[in-house]
Amino acid sequence: GRTFSRHVMGWFRQAPGNEREFVA
């Protein structure tokens, strides 16, 4: 839908009962 080659990308994770947290 668009290119992200000029932008930051990342990974987050969320375990049951926890808030979404930063990974990388």
PDBML (XML) file of the C-alpha atoms, coordinates in Angstrom:
<?xml version="1.0" encoding="UTF-8" ?>
<PDBx:datablock datablockName="MODEL"
   xmlns:PDBx="http://pdbml.pdb.org/schema/pdbx-v50.xsd"
   xmlns:xsi="http://www.w3.org/2001/XMLSchema-instance"
   xsi:schemaLocation="http://pdbml.pdb.org/schema/pdbx-v50.xsd pdbx-v50.xsd">
   <PDBx:atom_siteCategory>
      <PDBx:atom_site id="1">
         <PDBx:B_iso_or_equiv>0.00</PDBx:B_iso_or_equiv>
         <PDBx:Cartn_x>0.000</PDBx:Cartn_x>
         <PDBx:Cartn_y>0.000</PDBx:Cartn_y>
         <PDBx:Cartn_z>0.000</PDBx:Cartn_z>
         <PDBx:auth_asym_id>A</PDBx:auth_asym_id>
         <PDBx:auth_atom_id>CA</PDBx:auth_atom_id>
         <PDBx:auth_comp_id>GLY</PDBx:auth_comp_id>
         <PDBx:auth_seq_id>1</PDBx:auth_seq_id>
         <PDBx:group_PDB>ATOM</PDBx:group_PDB>
         <PDBx:label_alt_id xsi:nil="true" />
         <PDBx:label_asym_id>A</PDBx:label_asym_id>
         <PDBx:label_atom_id>CA</PDBx:label_atom_id>
         <PDBx:label_comp_id>GLY</PDBx:label_comp_id>
         <PDBx:label_entity_id>1</PDBx:label_entity_id>
         <PDBx:label_seq_id>1</PDBx:label_seq_id>
         <PDBx:occupancy>1.00</PDBx:occupancy>
         <PDBx:pdbx_PDB_model_num>1</PDBx:pdbx_PDB_model_num>
         <PDBx:type_symbol>C</PDBx:type_symbol>
      </PDBx:atom_site>
      <PDBx:atom_site id="2">
         <PDBx:B_iso_or_equiv>0.00</PDBx:B_iso_or_equiv>
         <PDBx:Cartn_x>3.010</PDBx:Cartn_x>
         <PDBx:Cartn_y>2.299</PDBx:Cartn_y>
         <PDBx:Cartn_z>0.389</PDBx:Cartn_z>
         <PDBx:auth_asym_id>A</PDBx:auth_asym_id>
         <PDBx:auth_atom_id>CA</PDBx:auth_atom_id>
         <PDBx:auth_comp_id>ARG</PDBx:auth_comp_id>
         <PDBx:auth_seq_id>2</PDBx:auth_seq_id>
         <PDBx:group_PDB>ATOM</PDBx:group_PDB>
         <PDBx:label_alt_id xsi:nil="true" />
         <PDBx:label_asym_id>A</PDBx:label_asym_id>
         <PDBx:label_atom_id>CA</PDBx:label_atom_id>
         <PDBx:label_comp_id>ARG</PDBx:label_comp_id>
         <PDBx:label_entity_id>1</PDBx:label_entity_id>
         <PDBx:label_seq_id>2</PDBx:label_seq_id>
         <PDBx:occupancy>1.00</PDBx:occupancy>
         <PDBx:pdbx_PDB_model_num>1</PDBx:pdbx_PDB_model_num>
         <PDBx:type_symbol>C</PDBx:type_symbol>
      </PDBx:atom_site>
      <PDBx:atom_site id="3">
         <PDBx:B_iso_or_equiv>0.00</PDBx:B_iso_or_equiv>
         <PDBx:Cartn_x>6.747</PDBx:Cartn_x>
         <PDBx:Cartn_y>2.087</PDBx:Cartn_y>
         <PDBx:Cartn_z>0.668</PDBx:Cartn_z>
         <PDBx:auth_asym_id>A</PDBx:auth_asym_id>
         <PDBx:auth_atom_id>CA</PDBx:auth_atom_id>
         <PDBx:auth_comp_id>THR</PDBx:auth_comp_id>
         <PDBx:auth_seq_id>3</PDBx:auth_seq_id>
         <PDBx:group_PDB>ATOM</PDBx:group_PDB>
         <PDBx:label_alt_id xsi:nil="true" />
         <PDBx:label_asym_id>A</PDBx:label_asym_id>
         <PDBx:label_atom_id>CA</PDBx:label_atom_id>
         <PDBx:label_comp_id>THR</PDBx:label_comp_id>
         <PDBx:label_entity_id>1</PDBx:label_entity_id>
         <PDBx:label_seq_id>3</PDBx:label_seq_id>
         <PDBx:occupancy>1.00</PDBx:occupancy>
         <PDBx:pdbx_PDB_model_num>1</PDBx:pdbx_PDB_model_num>
         <PDBx:type_symbol>C</PDBx:type_symbol>
      </PDBx:atom_site>
      <PDBx:atom_site id="4">
         <PDBx:B_iso_or_equiv>0.00</PDBx:B_iso_or_equiv>
         <PDBx:Cartn_x>8.460</PDBx:Cartn_x>
         <PDBx:Cartn_y>2.274</PDBx:Cartn_y>
         <PDBx:Cartn_z>4.047</PDBx:Cartn_z>
         <PDBx:auth_asym_id>A</PDBx:auth_asym_id>
         <PDBx:auth_atom_id>CA</PDBx:auth_atom_id>
         <PDBx:auth_comp_id>PHE</PDBx:auth_comp_id>
         <PDBx:auth_seq_id>4</PDBx:auth_seq_id>
         <PDBx:group_PDB>ATOM</PDBx:group_PDB>
         <PDBx:label_alt_id xsi:nil="true" />
         <PDBx:label_asym_id>A</PDBx:label_asym_id>
         <PDBx:label_atom_id>CA</PDBx:label_atom_id>
         <PDBx:label_comp_id>PHE</PDBx:label_comp_id>
         <PDBx:label_entity_id>1</PDBx:label_entity_id>
         <PDBx:label_seq_id>4</PDBx:label_seq_id>
         <PDBx:occupancy>1.00</PDBx:occupancy>
         <PDBx:pdbx_PDB_model_num>1</PDBx:pdbx_PDB_model_num>
         <PDBx:type_symbol>C</PDBx:type_symbol>
      </PDBx:atom_site>
      <PDBx:atom_site id="5">
         <PDBx:B_iso_or_equiv>0.00</PDBx:B_iso_or_equiv>
         <PDBx:Cartn_x>12.000</PDBx:Cartn_x>
         <PDBx:Cartn_y>2.374</PDBx:Cartn_y>
         <PDBx:Cartn_z>2.711</PDBx:Cartn_z>
         <PDBx:auth_asym_id>A</PDBx:auth_asym_id>
         <PDBx:auth_atom_id>CA</PDBx:auth_atom_id>
         <PDBx:auth_comp_id>SER</PDBx:auth_comp_id>
         <PDBx:auth_seq_id>5</PDBx:auth_seq_id>
         <PDBx:group_PDB>ATOM</PDBx:group_PDB>
         <PDBx:label_alt_id xsi:nil="true" />
         <PDBx:label_asym_id>A</PDBx:label_asym_id>
         <PDBx:label_atom_id>CA</PDBx:label_atom_id>
         <PDBx:label_comp_id>SER</PDBx:label_comp_id>
         <PDBx:label_entity_id>1</PDBx:label_entity_id>
         <PDBx:label_seq_id>5</PDBx:label_seq_id>
         <PDBx:occupancy>1.00</PDBx:occupancy>
         <PDBx:pdbx_PDB_model_num>1</PDBx:pdbx_PDB_model_num>
         <PDBx:type_symbol>C</PDBx:type_symbol>
      </PDBx:atom_site>
      <PDBx:atom_site id="6">
         <PDBx:B_iso_or_equiv>0.00</PDBx:B_iso_or_equiv>
         <PDBx:Cartn_x>12.475</PDBx:Cartn_x>
         <PDBx:Cartn_y>5.860</PDBx:Cartn_y>
         <PDBx:Cartn_z>4.174</PDBx:Cartn_z>
         <PDBx:auth_asym_id>A</PDBx:auth_asym_id>
         <PDBx:auth_atom_id>CA</PDBx:auth_atom_id>
         <PDBx:auth_comp_id>ARG</PDBx:auth_comp_id>
         <PDBx:auth_seq_id>6</PDBx:auth_seq_id>
         <PDBx:group_PDB>ATOM</PDBx:group_PDB>
         <PDBx:label_alt_id xsi:nil="true" />
         <PDBx:label_asym_id>A</PDBx:label_asym_id>
         <PDBx:label_atom_id>CA</PDBx:label_atom_id>
         <PDBx:label_comp_id>ARG</PDBx:label_comp_id>
         <PDBx:label_entity_id>1</PDBx:label_entity_id>
         <PDBx:label_seq_id>6</PDBx:label_seq_id>
         <PDBx:occupancy>1.00</PDBx:occupancy>
         <PDBx:pdbx_PDB_model_num>1</PDBx:pdbx_PDB_model_num>
         <PDBx:type_symbol>C</PDBx:type_symbol>
      </PDBx:atom_site>
      <PDBx:atom_site id="7">
         <PDBx:B_iso_or_equiv>0.00</PDBx:B_iso_or_equiv>
         <PDBx:Cartn_x>10.877</PDBx:Cartn_x>
         <PDBx:Cartn_y>5.122</PDBx:Cartn_y>
         <PDBx:Cartn_z>7.552</PDBx:Cartn_z>
         <PDBx:auth_asym_id>A</PDBx:auth_asym_id>
         <PDBx:auth_atom_id>CA</PDBx:auth_atom_id>
         <PDBx:auth_comp_id>HIS</PDBx:auth_comp_id>
         <PDBx:auth_seq_id>7</PDBx:auth_seq_id>
         <PDBx:group_PDB>ATOM</PDBx:group_PDB>
         <PDBx:label_alt_id xsi:nil="true" />
         <PDBx:label_asym_id>A</PDBx:label_asym_id>
         <PDBx:label_atom_id>CA</PDBx:label_atom_id>
         <PDBx:label_comp_id>HIS</PDBx:label_comp_id>
         <PDBx:label_entity_id>1</PDBx:label_entity_id>
         <PDBx:label_seq_id>7</PDBx:label_seq_id>
         <PDBx:occupancy>1.00</PDBx:occupancy>
         <PDBx:pdbx_PDB_model_num>1</PDBx:pdbx_PDB_model_num>
         <PDBx:type_symbol>C</PDBx:type_symbol>
      </PDBx:atom_site>
      <PDBx:atom_site id="8">
         <PDBx:B_iso_or_equiv>0.00</PDBx:B_iso_or_equiv>
         <PDBx:Cartn_x>11.489</PDBx:Cartn_x>
         <PDBx:Cartn_y>3.315</PDBx:Cartn_y>
         <PDBx:Cartn_z>10.817</PDBx:Cartn_z>
         <PDBx:auth_asym_id>A</PDBx:auth_asym_id>
         <PDBx:auth_atom_id>CA</PDBx:auth_atom_id>
         <PDBx:auth_comp_id>VAL</PDBx:auth_comp_id>
         <PDBx:auth_seq_id>8</PDBx:auth_seq_id>
         <PDBx:group_PDB>ATOM</PDBx:group_PDB>
         <PDBx:label_alt_id xsi:nil="true" />
         <PDBx:label_asym_id>A</PDBx:label_asym_id>
         <PDBx:label_atom_id>CA</PDBx:label_atom_id>
         <PDBx:label_comp_id>VAL</PDBx:label_comp_id>
         <PDBx:label_entity_id>1</PDBx:label_entity_id>
         <PDBx:label_seq_id>8</PDBx:label_seq_id>
         <PDBx:occupancy>1.00</PDBx:occupancy>
         <PDBx:pdbx_PDB_model_num>1</PDBx:pdbx_PDB_model_num>
         <PDBx:type_symbol>C</PDBx:type_symbol>
      </PDBx:atom_site>
      <PDBx:atom_site id="9">
         <PDBx:B_iso_or_equiv>0.00</PDBx:B_iso_or_equiv>
         <PDBx:Cartn_x>9.973</PDBx:Cartn_x>
         <PDBx:Cartn_y>-0.137</PDBx:Cartn_y>
         <PDBx:Cartn_z>11.233</PDBx:Cartn_z>
         <PDBx:auth_asym_id>A</PDBx:auth_asym_id>
         <PDBx:auth_atom_id>CA</PDBx:auth_atom_id>
         <PDBx:auth_comp_id>MET</PDBx:auth_comp_id>
         <PDBx:auth_seq_id>9</PDBx:auth_seq_id>
         <PDBx:group_PDB>ATOM</PDBx:group_PDB>
         <PDBx:label_alt_id xsi:nil="true" />
         <PDBx:label_asym_id>A</PDBx:label_asym_id>
         <PDBx:label_atom_id>CA</PDBx:label_atom_id>
         <PDBx:label_comp_id>MET</PDBx:label_comp_id>
         <PDBx:label_entity_id>1</PDBx:label_entity_id>
         <PDBx:label_seq_id>9</PDBx:label_seq_id>
         <PDBx:occupancy>1.00</PDBx:occupancy>
         <PDBx:pdbx_PDB_model_num>1</PDBx:pdbx_PDB_model_num>
         <PDBx:type_symbol>C</PDBx:type_symbol>
      </PDBx:atom_site>
      <PDBx:atom_site id="10">
         <PDBx:B_iso_or_equiv>0.00</PDBx:B_iso_or_equiv>
         <PDBx:Cartn_x>9.786</PDBx:Cartn_x>
         <PDBx:Cartn_y>-2.242</PDBx:Cartn_y>
         <PDBx:Cartn_z>14.346</PDBx:Cartn_z>
         <PDBx:auth_asym_id>A</PDBx:auth_asym_id>
         <PDBx:auth_atom_id>CA</PDBx:auth_atom_id>
         <PDBx:auth_comp_id>GLY</PDBx:auth_comp_id>
         <PDBx:auth_seq_id>10</PDBx:auth_seq_id>
         <PDBx:group_PDB>ATOM</PDBx:group_PDB>
         <PDBx:label_alt_id xsi:nil="true" />
         <PDBx:label_asym_id>A</PDBx:label_asym_id>
         <PDBx:label_atom_id>CA</PDBx:label_atom_id>
         <PDBx:label_comp_id>GLY</PDBx:label_comp_id>
         <PDBx:label_entity_id>1</PDBx:label_entity_id>
         <PDBx:label_seq_id>10</PDBx:label_seq_id>
         <PDBx:occupancy>1.00</PDBx:occupancy>
         <PDBx:pdbx_PDB_model_num>1</PDBx:pdbx_PDB_model_num>
         <PDBx:type_symbol>C</PDBx:type_symbol>
      </PDBx:atom_site>
      <PDBx:atom_site id="11">
         <PDBx:B_iso_or_equiv>0.00</PDBx:B_iso_or_equiv>
         <PDBx:Cartn_x>8.529</PDBx:Cartn_x>
         <PDBx:Cartn_y>-5.250</PDBx:Cartn_y>
         <PDBx:Cartn_z>16.232</PDBx:Cartn_z>
         <PDBx:auth_asym_id>A</PDBx:auth_asym_id>
         <PDBx:auth_atom_id>CA</PDBx:auth_atom_id>
         <PDBx:auth_comp_id>TRP</PDBx:auth_comp_id>
         <PDBx:auth_seq_id>11</PDBx:auth_seq_id>
         <PDBx:group_PDB>ATOM</PDBx:group_PDB>
         <PDBx:label_alt_id xsi:nil="true" />
         <PDBx:label_asym_id>A</PDBx:label_asym_id>
         <PDBx:label_atom_id>CA</PDBx:label_atom_id>
         <PDBx:label_comp_id>TRP</PDBx:label_comp_id>
         <PDBx:label_entity_id>1</PDBx:label_entity_id>
         <PDBx:label_seq_id>11</PDBx:label_seq_id>
         <PDBx:occupancy>1.00</PDBx:occupancy>
         <PDBx:pdbx_PDB_model_num>1</PDBx:pdbx_PDB_model_num>
         <PDBx:type_symbol>C</PDBx:type_symbol>
      </PDBx:atom_site>
      <PDBx:atom_site id="12">
         <PDBx:B_iso_or_equiv>0.00</PDBx:B_iso_or_equiv>
         <PDBx:Cartn_x>6.456</PDBx:Cartn_x>
         <PDBx:Cartn_y>-5.342</PDBx:Cartn_y>
         <PDBx:Cartn_z>19.400</PDBx:Cartn_z>
         <PDBx:auth_asym_id>A</PDBx:auth_asym_id>
         <PDBx:auth_atom_id>CA</PDBx:auth_atom_id>
         <PDBx:auth_comp_id>PHE</PDBx:auth_comp_id>
         <PDBx:auth_seq_id>12</PDBx:auth_seq_id>
         <PDBx:group_PDB>ATOM</PDBx:group_PDB>
         <PDBx:label_alt_id xsi:nil="true" />
         <PDBx:label_asym_id>A</PDBx:label_asym_id>
         <PDBx:label_atom_id>CA</PDBx:label_atom_id>
         <PDBx:label_comp_id>PHE</PDBx:label_comp_id>
         <PDBx:label_entity_id>1</PDBx:label_entity_id>
         <PDBx:label_seq_id>12</PDBx:label_seq_id>
         <PDBx:occupancy>1.00</PDBx:occupancy>
         <PDBx:pdbx_PDB_model_num>1</PDBx:pdbx_PDB_model_num>
         <PDBx:type_symbol>C</PDBx:type_symbol>
      </PDBx:atom_site>
      <PDBx:atom_site id="13">
         <PDBx:B_iso_or_equiv>0.00</PDBx:B_iso_or_equiv>
         <PDBx:Cartn_x>4.957</PDBx:Cartn_x>
         <PDBx:Cartn_y>-8.209</PDBx:Cartn_y>
         <PDBx:Cartn_z>21.375</PDBx:Cartn_z>
         <PDBx:auth_asym_id>A</PDBx:auth_asym_id>
         <PDBx:auth_atom_id>CA</PDBx:auth_atom_id>
         <PDBx:auth_comp_id>ARG</PDBx:auth_comp_id>
         <PDBx:auth_seq_id>13</PDBx:auth_seq_id>
         <PDBx:group_PDB>ATOM</PDBx:group_PDB>
         <PDBx:label_alt_id xsi:nil="true" />
         <PDBx:label_asym_id>A</PDBx:label_asym_id>
         <PDBx:label_atom_id>CA</PDBx:label_atom_id>
         <PDBx:label_comp_id>ARG</PDBx:label_comp_id>
         <PDBx:label_entity_id>1</PDBx:label_entity_id>
         <PDBx:label_seq_id>13</PDBx:label_seq_id>
         <PDBx:occupancy>1.00</PDBx:occupancy>
         <PDBx:pdbx_PDB_model_num>1</PDBx:pdbx_PDB_model_num>
         <PDBx:type_symbol>C</PDBx:type_symbol>
      </PDBx:atom_site>
      <PDBx:atom_site id="14">
         <PDBx:B_iso_or_equiv>0.00</PDBx:B_iso_or_equiv>
         <PDBx:Cartn_x>2.070</PDBx:Cartn_x>
         <PDBx:Cartn_y>-8.760</PDBx:Cartn_y>
         <PDBx:Cartn_z>23.721</PDBx:Cartn_z>
         <PDBx:auth_asym_id>A</PDBx:auth_asym_id>
         <PDBx:auth_atom_id>CA</PDBx:auth_atom_id>
         <PDBx:auth_comp_id>GLN</PDBx:auth_comp_id>
         <PDBx:auth_seq_id>14</PDBx:auth_seq_id>
         <PDBx:group_PDB>ATOM</PDBx:group_PDB>
         <PDBx:label_alt_id xsi:nil="true" />
         <PDBx:label_asym_id>A</PDBx:label_asym_id>
         <PDBx:label_atom_id>CA</PDBx:label_atom_id>
         <PDBx:label_comp_id>GLN</PDBx:label_comp_id>
         <PDBx:label_entity_id>1</PDBx:label_entity_id>
         <PDBx:label_seq_id>14</PDBx:label_seq_id>
         <PDBx:occupancy>1.00</PDBx:occupancy>
         <PDBx:pdbx_PDB_model_num>1</PDBx:pdbx_PDB_model_num>
         <PDBx:type_symbol>C</PDBx:type_symbol>
      </PDBx:atom_site>
      <PDBx:atom_site id="15">
         <PDBx:B_iso_or_equiv>0.00</PDBx:B_iso_or_equiv>
         <PDBx:Cartn_x>1.619</PDBx:Cartn_x>
         <PDBx:Cartn_y>-11.650</PDBx:Cartn_y>
         <PDBx:Cartn_z>26.111</PDBx:Cartn_z>
         <PDBx:auth_asym_id>A</PDBx:auth_asym_id>
         <PDBx:auth_atom_id>CA</PDBx:auth_atom_id>
         <PDBx:auth_comp_id>ALA</PDBx:auth_comp_id>
         <PDBx:auth_seq_id>15</PDBx:auth_seq_id>
         <PDBx:group_PDB>ATOM</PDBx:group_PDB>
         <PDBx:label_alt_id xsi:nil="true" />
         <PDBx:label_asym_id>A</PDBx:label_asym_id>
         <PDBx:label_atom_id>CA</PDBx:label_atom_id>
         <PDBx:label_comp_id>ALA</PDBx:label_comp_id>
         <PDBx:label_entity_id>1</PDBx:label_entity_id>
         <PDBx:label_seq_id>15</PDBx:label_seq_id>
         <PDBx:occupancy>1.00</PDBx:occupancy>
         <PDBx:pdbx_PDB_model_num>1</PDBx:pdbx_PDB_model_num>
         <PDBx:type_symbol>C</PDBx:type_symbol>
      </PDBx:atom_site>
      <PDBx:atom_site id="16">
         <PDBx:B_iso_or_equiv>0.00</PDBx:B_iso_or_equiv>
         <PDBx:Cartn_x>-1.781</PDBx:Cartn_x>
         <PDBx:Cartn_y>-12.442</PDBx:Cartn_y>
         <PDBx:Cartn_z>27.676</PDBx:Cartn_z>
         <PDBx:auth_asym_id>A</PDBx:auth_asym_id>
         <PDBx:auth_atom_id>CA</PDBx:auth_atom_id>
         <PDBx:auth_comp_id>PRO</PDBx:auth_comp_id>
         <PDBx:auth_seq_id>16</PDBx:auth_seq_id>
         <PDBx:group_PDB>ATOM</PDBx:group_PDB>
         <PDBx:label_alt_id xsi:nil="true" />
         <PDBx:label_asym_id>A</PDBx:label_asym_id>
         <PDBx:label_atom_id>CA</PDBx:label_atom_id>
         <PDBx:label_comp_id>PRO</PDBx:label_comp_id>
         <PDBx:label_entity_id>1</PDBx:label_entity_id>
         <PDBx:label_seq_id>16</PDBx:label_seq_id>
         <PDBx:occupancy>1.00</PDBx:occupancy>
         <PDBx:pdbx_PDB_model_num>1</PDBx:pdbx_PDB_model_num>
         <PDBx:type_symbol>C</PDBx:type_symbol>
      </PDBx:atom_site>
      <PDBx:atom_site id="17">
         <PDBx:B_iso_or_equiv>0.00</PDBx:B_iso_or_equiv>
         <PDBx:Cartn_x>-2.581</PDBx:Cartn_x>
         <PDBx:Cartn_y>-9.978</PDBx:Cartn_y>
         <PDBx:Cartn_z>30.438</PDBx:Cartn_z>
         <PDBx:auth_asym_id>A</PDBx:auth_asym_id>
         <PDBx:auth_atom_id>CA</PDBx:auth_atom_id>
         <PDBx:auth_comp_id>GLY</PDBx:auth_comp_id>
         <PDBx:auth_seq_id>17</PDBx:auth_seq_id>
         <PDBx:group_PDB>ATOM</PDBx:group_PDB>
         <PDBx:label_alt_id xsi:nil="true" />
         <PDBx:label_asym_id>A</PDBx:label_asym_id>
         <PDBx:label_atom_id>CA</PDBx:label_atom_id>
         <PDBx:label_comp_id>GLY</PDBx:label_comp_id>
         <PDBx:label_entity_id>1</PDBx:label_entity_id>
         <PDBx:label_seq_id>17</PDBx:label_seq_id>
         <PDBx:occupancy>1.00</PDBx:occupancy>
         <PDBx:pdbx_PDB_model_num>1</PDBx:pdbx_PDB_model_num>
         <PDBx:type_symbol>C</PDBx:type_symbol>
      </PDBx:atom_site>
      <PDBx:atom_site id="18">
         <PDBx:B_iso_or_equiv>0.00</PDBx:B_iso_or_equiv>
         <PDBx:Cartn_x>0.332</PDBx:Cartn_x>
         <PDBx:Cartn_y>-7.733</PDBx:Cartn_y>
         <PDBx:Cartn_z>29.540</PDBx:Cartn_z>
         <PDBx:auth_asym_id>A</PDBx:auth_asym_id>
         <PDBx:auth_atom_id>CA</PDBx:auth_atom_id>
         <PDBx:auth_comp_id>ASN</PDBx:auth_comp_id>
         <PDBx:auth_seq_id>18</PDBx:auth_seq_id>
         <PDBx:group_PDB>ATOM</PDBx:group_PDB>
         <PDBx:label_alt_id xsi:nil="true" />
         <PDBx:label_asym_id>A</PDBx:label_asym_id>
         <PDBx:label_atom_id>CA</PDBx:label_atom_id>
         <PDBx:label_comp_id>ASN</PDBx:label_comp_id>
         <PDBx:label_entity_id>1</PDBx:label_entity_id>
         <PDBx:label_seq_id>18</PDBx:label_seq_id>
         <PDBx:occupancy>1.00</PDBx:occupancy>
         <PDBx:pdbx_PDB_model_num>1</PDBx:pdbx_PDB_model_num>
         <PDBx:type_symbol>C</PDBx:type_symbol>
      </PDBx:atom_site>
      <PDBx:atom_site id="19">
         <PDBx:B_iso_or_equiv>0.00</PDBx:B_iso_or_equiv>
         <PDBx:Cartn_x>0.660</PDBx:Cartn_x>
         <PDBx:Cartn_y>-4.486</PDBx:Cartn_y>
         <PDBx:Cartn_z>27.676</PDBx:Cartn_z>
         <PDBx:auth_asym_id>A</PDBx:auth_asym_id>
         <PDBx:auth_atom_id>CA</PDBx:auth_atom_id>
         <PDBx:auth_comp_id>GLU</PDBx:auth_comp_id>
         <PDBx:auth_seq_id>19</PDBx:auth_seq_id>
         <PDBx:group_PDB>ATOM</PDBx:group_PDB>
         <PDBx:label_alt_id xsi:nil="true" />
         <PDBx:label_asym_id>A</PDBx:label_asym_id>
         <PDBx:label_atom_id>CA</PDBx:label_atom_id>
         <PDBx:label_comp_id>GLU</PDBx:label_comp_id>
         <PDBx:label_entity_id>1</PDBx:label_entity_id>
         <PDBx:label_seq_id>19</PDBx:label_seq_id>
         <PDBx:occupancy>1.00</PDBx:occupancy>
         <PDBx:pdbx_PDB_model_num>1</PDBx:pdbx_PDB_model_num>
         <PDBx:type_symbol>C</PDBx:type_symbol>
      </PDBx:atom_site>
      <PDBx:atom_site id="20">
         <PDBx:B_iso_or_equiv>0.00</PDBx:B_iso_or_equiv>
         <PDBx:Cartn_x>2.192</PDBx:Cartn_x>
         <PDBx:Cartn_y>-4.414</PDBx:Cartn_y>
         <PDBx:Cartn_z>24.231</PDBx:Cartn_z>
         <PDBx:auth_asym_id>A</PDBx:auth_asym_id>
         <PDBx:auth_atom_id>CA</PDBx:auth_atom_id>
         <PDBx:auth_comp_id>ARG</PDBx:auth_comp_id>
         <PDBx:auth_seq_id>20</PDBx:auth_seq_id>
         <PDBx:group_PDB>ATOM</PDBx:group_PDB>
         <PDBx:label_alt_id xsi:nil="true" />
         <PDBx:label_asym_id>A</PDBx:label_asym_id>
         <PDBx:label_atom_id>CA</PDBx:label_atom_id>
         <PDBx:label_comp_id>ARG</PDBx:label_comp_id>
         <PDBx:label_entity_id>1</PDBx:label_entity_id>
         <PDBx:label_seq_id>20</PDBx:label_seq_id>
         <PDBx:occupancy>1.00</PDBx:occupancy>
         <PDBx:pdbx_PDB_model_num>1</PDBx:pdbx_PDB_model_num>
         <PDBx:type_symbol>C</PDBx:type_symbol>
      </PDBx:atom_site>
      <PDBx:atom_site id="21">
         <PDBx:B_iso_or_equiv>0.00</PDBx:B_iso_or_equiv>
         <PDBx:Cartn_x>5.941</PDBx:Cartn_x>
         <PDBx:Cartn_y>-3.993</PDBx:Cartn_y>
         <PDBx:Cartn_z>24.622</PDBx:Cartn_z>
         <PDBx:auth_asym_id>A</PDBx:auth_asym_id>
         <PDBx:auth_atom_id>CA</PDBx:auth_atom_id>
         <PDBx:auth_comp_id>GLU</PDBx:auth_comp_id>
         <PDBx:auth_seq_id>21</PDBx:auth_seq_id>
         <PDBx:group_PDB>ATOM</PDBx:group_PDB>
         <PDBx:label_alt_id xsi:nil="true" />
         <PDBx:label_asym_id>A</PDBx:label_asym_id>
         <PDBx:label_atom_id>CA</PDBx:label_atom_id>
         <PDBx:label_comp_id>GLU</PDBx:label_comp_id>
         <PDBx:label_entity_id>1</PDBx:label_entity_id>
         <PDBx:label_seq_id>21</PDBx:label_seq_id>
         <PDBx:occupancy>1.00</PDBx:occupancy>
         <PDBx:pdbx_PDB_model_num>1</PDBx:pdbx_PDB_model_num>
         <PDBx:type_symbol>C</PDBx:type_symbol>
      </PDBx:atom_site>
      <PDBx:atom_site id="22">
         <PDBx:B_iso_or_equiv>0.00</PDBx:B_iso_or_equiv>
         <PDBx:Cartn_x>8.786</PDBx:Cartn_x>
         <PDBx:Cartn_y>-2.935</PDBx:Cartn_y>
         <PDBx:Cartn_z>22.397</PDBx:Cartn_z>
         <PDBx:auth_asym_id>A</PDBx:auth_asym_id>
         <PDBx:auth_atom_id>CA</PDBx:auth_atom_id>
         <PDBx:auth_comp_id>PHE</PDBx:auth_comp_id>
         <PDBx:auth_seq_id>22</PDBx:auth_seq_id>
         <PDBx:group_PDB>ATOM</PDBx:group_PDB>
         <PDBx:label_alt_id xsi:nil="true" />
         <PDBx:label_asym_id>A</PDBx:label_asym_id>
         <PDBx:label_atom_id>CA</PDBx:label_atom_id>
         <PDBx:label_comp_id>PHE</PDBx:label_comp_id>
         <PDBx:label_entity_id>1</PDBx:label_entity_id>
         <PDBx:label_seq_id>22</PDBx:label_seq_id>
         <PDBx:occupancy>1.00</PDBx:occupancy>
         <PDBx:pdbx_PDB_model_num>1</PDBx:pdbx_PDB_model_num>
         <PDBx:type_symbol>C</PDBx:type_symbol>
      </PDBx:atom_site>
      <PDBx:atom_site id="23">
         <PDBx:B_iso_or_equiv>0.00</PDBx:B_iso_or_equiv>
         <PDBx:Cartn_x>11.075</PDBx:Cartn_x>
         <PDBx:Cartn_y>-5.645</PDBx:Cartn_y>
         <PDBx:Cartn_z>21.039</PDBx:Cartn_z>
         <PDBx:auth_asym_id>A</PDBx:auth_asym_id>
         <PDBx:auth_atom_id>CA</PDBx:auth_atom_id>
         <PDBx:auth_comp_id>VAL</PDBx:auth_comp_id>
         <PDBx:auth_seq_id>23</PDBx:auth_seq_id>
         <PDBx:group_PDB>ATOM</PDBx:group_PDB>
         <PDBx:label_alt_id xsi:nil="true" />
         <PDBx:label_asym_id>A</PDBx:label_asym_id>
         <PDBx:label_atom_id>CA</PDBx:label_atom_id>
         <PDBx:label_comp_id>VAL</PDBx:label_comp_id>
         <PDBx:label_entity_id>1</PDBx:label_entity_id>
         <PDBx:label_seq_id>23</PDBx:label_seq_id>
         <PDBx:occupancy>1.00</PDBx:occupancy>
         <PDBx:pdbx_PDB_model_num>1</PDBx:pdbx_PDB_model_num>
         <PDBx:type_symbol>C</PDBx:type_symbol>
      </PDBx:atom_site>
      <PDBx:atom_site id="24">
         <PDBx:B_iso_or_equiv>0.00</PDBx:B_iso_or_equiv>
         <PDBx:Cartn_x>13.229</PDBx:Cartn_x>
         <PDBx:Cartn_y>-4.151</PDBx:Cartn_y>
         <PDBx:Cartn_z>18.283</PDBx:Cartn_z>
         <PDBx:auth_asym_id>A</PDBx:auth_asym_id>
         <PDBx:auth_atom_id>CA</PDBx:auth_atom_id>
         <PDBx:auth_comp_id>ALA</PDBx:auth_comp_id>
         <PDBx:auth_seq_id>24</PDBx:auth_seq_id>
         <PDBx:group_PDB>ATOM</PDBx:group_PDB>
         <PDBx:label_alt_id xsi:nil="true" />
         <PDBx:label_asym_id>A</PDBx:label_asym_id>
         <PDBx:label_atom_id>CA</PDBx:label_atom_id>
         <PDBx:label_comp_id>ALA</PDBx:label_comp_id>
         <PDBx:label_entity_id>1</PDBx:label_entity_id>
         <PDBx:label_seq_id>24</PDBx:label_seq_id>
         <PDBx:occupancy>1.00</PDBx:occupancy>
         <PDBx:pdbx_PDB_model_num>1</PDBx:pdbx_PDB_model_num>
         <PDBx:type_symbol>C</PDBx:type_symbol>
      </PDBx:atom_site>
   </PDBx:atom_siteCategory>
</PDBx:datablock>
